[in-house]
Protein backbone atom coordinates (compact mmCIF):
# COMPACT_ATOMS: atom_id res chain seq x y z
CA MET A 1 -49.38 -15.19 -68.58
CA LEU A 2 -51.78 -12.52 -68.43
CA ILE A 3 -55.36 -13.69 -69.28
CA THR A 4 -58.08 -11.44 -70.37
CA PRO A 5 -61.81 -11.97 -70.74
CA ARG A 6 -62.80 -13.18 -74.07
CA ASN A 7 -63.53 -10.19 -76.49
CA GLU A 8 -61.97 -7.66 -74.05
CA PRO A 9 -59.00 -5.86 -75.29
CA LEU A 10 -55.94 -5.73 -73.28
CA ARG A 11 -55.28 -2.41 -71.83
CA THR A 12 -51.69 -0.87 -71.64
CA GLU A 13 -51.33 1.84 -69.08
CA VAL A 14 -48.54 4.51 -69.51
CA THR A 15 -46.37 4.09 -66.68
CA GLY A 16 -44.95 7.01 -64.46
CA THR A 17 -41.53 6.10 -65.99
CA SER A 18 -42.52 6.39 -69.61
CA ALA A 19 -44.69 9.56 -69.04
CA HIS A 20 -41.68 11.13 -67.35
CA ASP A 21 -39.54 10.20 -70.18
CA ARG A 22 -41.86 11.55 -72.72
CA VAL A 23 -42.18 14.95 -71.08
CA TYR A 24 -38.46 14.99 -70.51
CA ARG A 25 -37.60 14.37 -74.18
CA ALA A 26 -40.28 16.85 -75.43
CA LEU A 27 -39.04 19.57 -72.96
CA ARG A 28 -35.48 18.91 -73.65
CA THR A 29 -35.88 19.26 -77.48
CA ARG A 30 -37.86 22.39 -76.99
CA ILE A 31 -35.09 23.97 -74.76
CA MET A 32 -32.27 22.82 -77.26
CA HIS A 33 -34.04 24.28 -80.20
CA GLY A 34 -34.64 27.66 -78.55
CA GLU A 35 -38.47 27.41 -78.34
CA LEU A 36 -38.15 28.73 -74.88
CA GLU A 37 -36.53 32.27 -74.28
CA PRO A 38 -33.95 32.79 -71.43
CA GLY A 39 -35.88 33.30 -68.13
CA ALA A 40 -38.99 31.45 -69.22
CA ALA A 41 -40.70 29.95 -66.08
CA LEU A 42 -41.92 26.49 -65.93
CA THR A 43 -44.49 25.28 -63.48
CA LEU A 44 -45.52 21.82 -62.52
CA ARG A 45 -49.25 22.58 -63.13
CA GLY A 46 -48.47 23.96 -66.58
CA ILE A 47 -46.42 21.04 -67.61
CA GLY A 48 -48.93 18.54 -66.27
CA LYS A 49 -51.70 20.25 -68.20
CA GLU A 50 -49.84 20.72 -71.49
CA TYR A 51 -48.44 17.03 -71.58
CA ASP A 52 -51.37 15.55 -69.83
CA VAL A 53 -49.40 13.82 -66.99
CA SER A 54 -49.53 13.95 -63.33
CA MET A 55 -47.39 16.05 -61.04
CA THR A 56 -44.88 13.05 -60.46
CA PRO A 57 -43.52 12.65 -64.21
CA ALA A 58 -43.48 16.42 -64.67
CA ARG A 59 -41.50 16.93 -61.37
CA GLU A 60 -39.04 14.15 -62.43
CA ALA A 61 -38.57 15.52 -65.85
CA LEU A 62 -38.00 19.13 -64.30
CA ARG A 63 -35.38 17.56 -61.74
CA ARG A 64 -33.70 15.94 -64.85
CA LEU A 65 -33.29 18.79 -66.87
CA THR A 66 -32.22 20.88 -63.97
CA ALA A 67 -29.34 18.31 -63.23
CA GLU A 68 -28.25 18.87 -67.02
CA GLY A 69 -28.17 22.51 -66.65
CA ALA A 70 -30.94 23.11 -69.14
CA LEU A 71 -33.07 24.69 -66.24
CA SER A 72 -32.22 26.87 -63.33
CA LEU A 73 -33.67 26.46 -59.76
CA SER A 74 -33.99 29.40 -57.65
CA ALA A 75 -33.82 29.84 -53.96
CA SER A 76 -37.49 30.19 -53.85
CA GLY A 77 -38.14 27.09 -55.92
CA ARG A 78 -38.72 28.95 -59.22
CA VAL A 79 -37.69 26.76 -62.17
CA SER A 80 -36.99 28.57 -65.53
CA THR A 81 -34.59 28.40 -68.45
CA PRO A 82 -31.14 29.93 -67.57
CA GLU A 83 -30.19 33.42 -68.23
CA LEU A 84 -26.56 32.94 -68.94
CA SER A 85 -23.77 35.41 -67.75
CA ASN A 86 -21.02 36.59 -70.09
CA GLU A 87 -18.61 34.53 -68.36
CA ARG A 88 -20.94 31.25 -68.63
CA ILE A 89 -21.27 32.03 -72.40
CA GLU A 90 -17.71 32.35 -72.88
CA GLU A 91 -17.02 28.97 -70.98
CA LEU A 92 -19.59 27.19 -73.22
CA ALA A 93 -18.36 28.66 -76.28
CA ALA A 94 -14.84 27.37 -75.27
CA LEU A 95 -16.22 23.90 -74.63
CA ARG A 96 -17.88 23.86 -78.12
CA ALA A 97 -14.79 24.92 -79.72
CA LEU A 98 -12.75 22.14 -78.13
CA ILE A 99 -15.35 19.29 -78.44
CA GLU A 100 -16.77 19.91 -81.80
CA THR A 101 -13.33 20.72 -83.42
CA GLU A 102 -12.36 17.27 -82.12
CA LEU A 103 -15.33 15.61 -83.43
CA ALA A 104 -15.03 17.26 -86.85
CA THR A 105 -11.41 16.20 -87.11
CA ARG A 106 -12.50 12.55 -86.26
CA ALA A 107 -15.21 12.70 -88.72
CA LEU A 108 -13.19 13.91 -91.58
CA PRO A 109 -11.71 10.48 -92.64
CA ARG A 110 -15.27 9.11 -92.89
CA ALA A 111 -16.67 12.15 -94.77
CA HIS A 112 -17.73 10.66 -98.03
CA LEU A 113 -19.50 12.41 -100.84
CA ALA A 114 -23.06 11.28 -99.68
CA LEU A 115 -22.30 12.84 -96.21
CA VAL A 116 -21.14 16.18 -97.89
CA GLU A 117 -24.24 16.19 -100.27
CA ARG A 118 -26.54 15.68 -97.26
CA LEU A 119 -24.92 18.53 -95.26
CA GLN A 120 -25.40 20.60 -98.37
CA THR A 121 -29.07 19.91 -98.24
CA ILE A 122 -29.51 20.73 -94.43
CA ASN A 123 -27.63 23.83 -95.16
CA GLY A 124 -30.27 24.79 -97.81
CA ARG A 125 -32.95 24.26 -95.11
CA ILE A 126 -30.90 26.66 -92.85
CA SER A 127 -30.96 29.31 -95.59
CA ALA A 128 -34.65 28.88 -95.95
CA ALA A 129 -35.31 29.48 -92.17
CA VAL A 130 -33.26 32.43 -92.48
CA ALA A 131 -35.42 33.78 -95.29
CA ARG A 132 -38.61 32.94 -93.37
CA LYS A 133 -36.97 34.60 -90.15
CA ASP A 134 -37.95 31.29 -88.21
CA ALA A 135 -35.41 31.13 -85.28
CA VAL A 136 -36.48 27.79 -84.18
CA ALA A 137 -36.20 26.25 -87.56
CA TYR A 138 -32.92 27.92 -87.95
CA ILE A 139 -31.53 26.56 -84.53
CA ARG A 140 -33.01 23.15 -85.25
CA SER A 141 -31.43 22.76 -88.76
CA ASN A 142 -28.23 24.14 -87.70
CA LEU A 143 -27.90 21.58 -84.94
CA GLU A 144 -28.91 19.02 -87.32
CA PHE A 145 -26.08 20.06 -89.58
CA HIS A 146 -23.46 19.71 -86.78
CA ARG A 147 -24.94 16.45 -85.34
CA THR A 148 -24.93 14.77 -88.94
CA LEU A 149 -21.31 15.68 -89.32
CA TYR A 150 -20.31 14.48 -85.90
CA LEU A 151 -21.96 11.19 -86.03
CA ARG A 152 -19.29 10.18 -88.45
CA ALA A 153 -16.87 10.60 -85.77
CA GLN A 154 -18.04 7.63 -84.08
CA ALA A 155 -17.40 8.94 -80.76
CA PRO A 156 -20.69 8.76 -78.65
CA ALA A 157 -19.54 9.97 -75.57
CA MET A 158 -18.01 13.09 -76.91
CA LEU A 159 -21.27 13.74 -79.05
CA ALA A 160 -23.27 13.36 -75.84
CA MET A 161 -21.12 16.06 -74.19
CA ALA A 162 -21.52 18.33 -77.27
CA GLU A 163 -25.34 17.94 -76.96
CA THR A 164 -25.42 18.76 -73.31
CA VAL A 165 -23.73 21.98 -74.12
CA TRP A 166 -26.20 22.66 -76.93
CA LEU A 167 -28.91 22.01 -74.33
CA GLN A 168 -27.71 24.73 -72.01
CA LEU A 169 -27.25 27.13 -74.67
CA GLY A 170 -30.54 26.68 -76.40
CA PRO A 171 -32.40 29.71 -75.00
CA THR A 172 -29.41 31.73 -75.37
CA MET A 173 -29.08 30.74 -79.03
CA ARG A 174 -32.59 32.07 -79.52
CA ALA A 175 -31.61 35.42 -78.02
CA LEU A 176 -28.52 35.35 -80.32
CA TYR A 177 -30.41 34.80 -83.48
CA GLY A 178 -32.50 37.82 -82.78
CA LYS A 179 -29.51 39.93 -82.08
CA LEU A 180 -27.57 38.74 -85.33
CA ARG A 181 -30.61 39.51 -87.63
CA ARG A 182 -29.27 37.13 -90.29
CA THR A 183 -30.05 37.56 -93.79
CA GLU A 184 -28.28 34.44 -94.98
CA GLY A 185 -26.97 31.12 -93.84
CA SER A 186 -23.54 30.78 -92.00
CA VAL A 187 -20.51 31.32 -94.25
CA HIS A 188 -18.64 29.05 -91.93
CA HIS A 189 -20.85 26.27 -93.06
CA LYS A 190 -19.70 26.75 -96.59
CA MET A 191 -16.09 26.81 -95.36
CA ILE A 192 -16.71 23.57 -93.47
CA LEU A 193 -18.10 21.84 -96.69
CA SER A 194 -15.21 22.88 -98.70
CA ALA A 195 -12.90 21.61 -96.26
CA LEU A 196 -14.61 18.30 -96.07
CA ARG A 197 -14.47 18.08 -99.90
CA ALA A 198 -10.88 18.83 -100.02
CA GLY A 199 -9.92 16.80 -96.95
CA ASP A 200 -8.45 19.74 -95.52
CA GLU A 201 -8.03 19.11 -91.67
CA PRO A 202 -6.55 22.50 -90.52
CA GLY A 203 -9.12 24.37 -92.68
CA LEU A 204 -12.00 22.28 -91.18
CA ARG A 205 -10.82 22.91 -87.74
CA VAL A 206 -10.66 26.63 -88.25
CA ALA A 207 -14.05 26.60 -89.95
CA VAL A 208 -15.78 24.68 -87.03
CA ARG A 209 -14.11 26.75 -84.41
CA ALA A 210 -15.24 29.86 -85.89
CA ASP A 211 -18.82 28.76 -86.43
CA VAL A 212 -19.31 27.59 -83.10
CA THR A 213 -17.79 30.64 -81.19
CA ASN A 214 -18.04 33.78 -83.07
CA GLY A 215 -21.73 34.22 -82.75
CA LEU A 216 -21.77 33.37 -78.88
CA ARG A 217 -18.77 35.73 -78.18
CA LEU A 218 -20.57 38.60 -79.93
CA LEU A 219 -23.49 37.92 -77.67
CA ALA A 220 -21.22 38.07 -74.66
CA SER A 221 -19.55 41.33 -75.81
């Protein structure tokens, strides 16, 4: 048992592991939500200063994100968010279509009215973000819409794969939002909600596939 002098508070130090995890999760969220544009450079010094950590946890967070494909490491050692080729965008769009269509299909039998109402509320936040021209809020709410539905699939390994694809696409989604110049929320989300209410599996699969691929393929065209 650890004993401290009377009236002296017990000090809890932040370990390197917890510091690394904090930085990793913060950067992961920022990348996934499109807060960083394609080709944005990250440095150990900059990350250390921003998150008030030493070089070691900053380096470990970058190493982990690079392994997940969220960051790219050049031959010169420069770390940056990826600038995806058209072929890579097509590949990730195809992965989204495969994985997310399956997740939605598995979620359908558990899509009760309360879930549909929650998705409708999230969709309202998406429309509000579009009206404000807030790209990050749009991407964040859009991913929340999909994640909320897919959690009902009770397929954690499949959802983790989908999130890895979202992570790799985050900066590209930011670029896509600027190109689309949206003035309203996704029409495909309305189709998804209608299919969920009707228990329409074929309609749900079509709506999800269109929602997750159409914009990305426009960017790659």
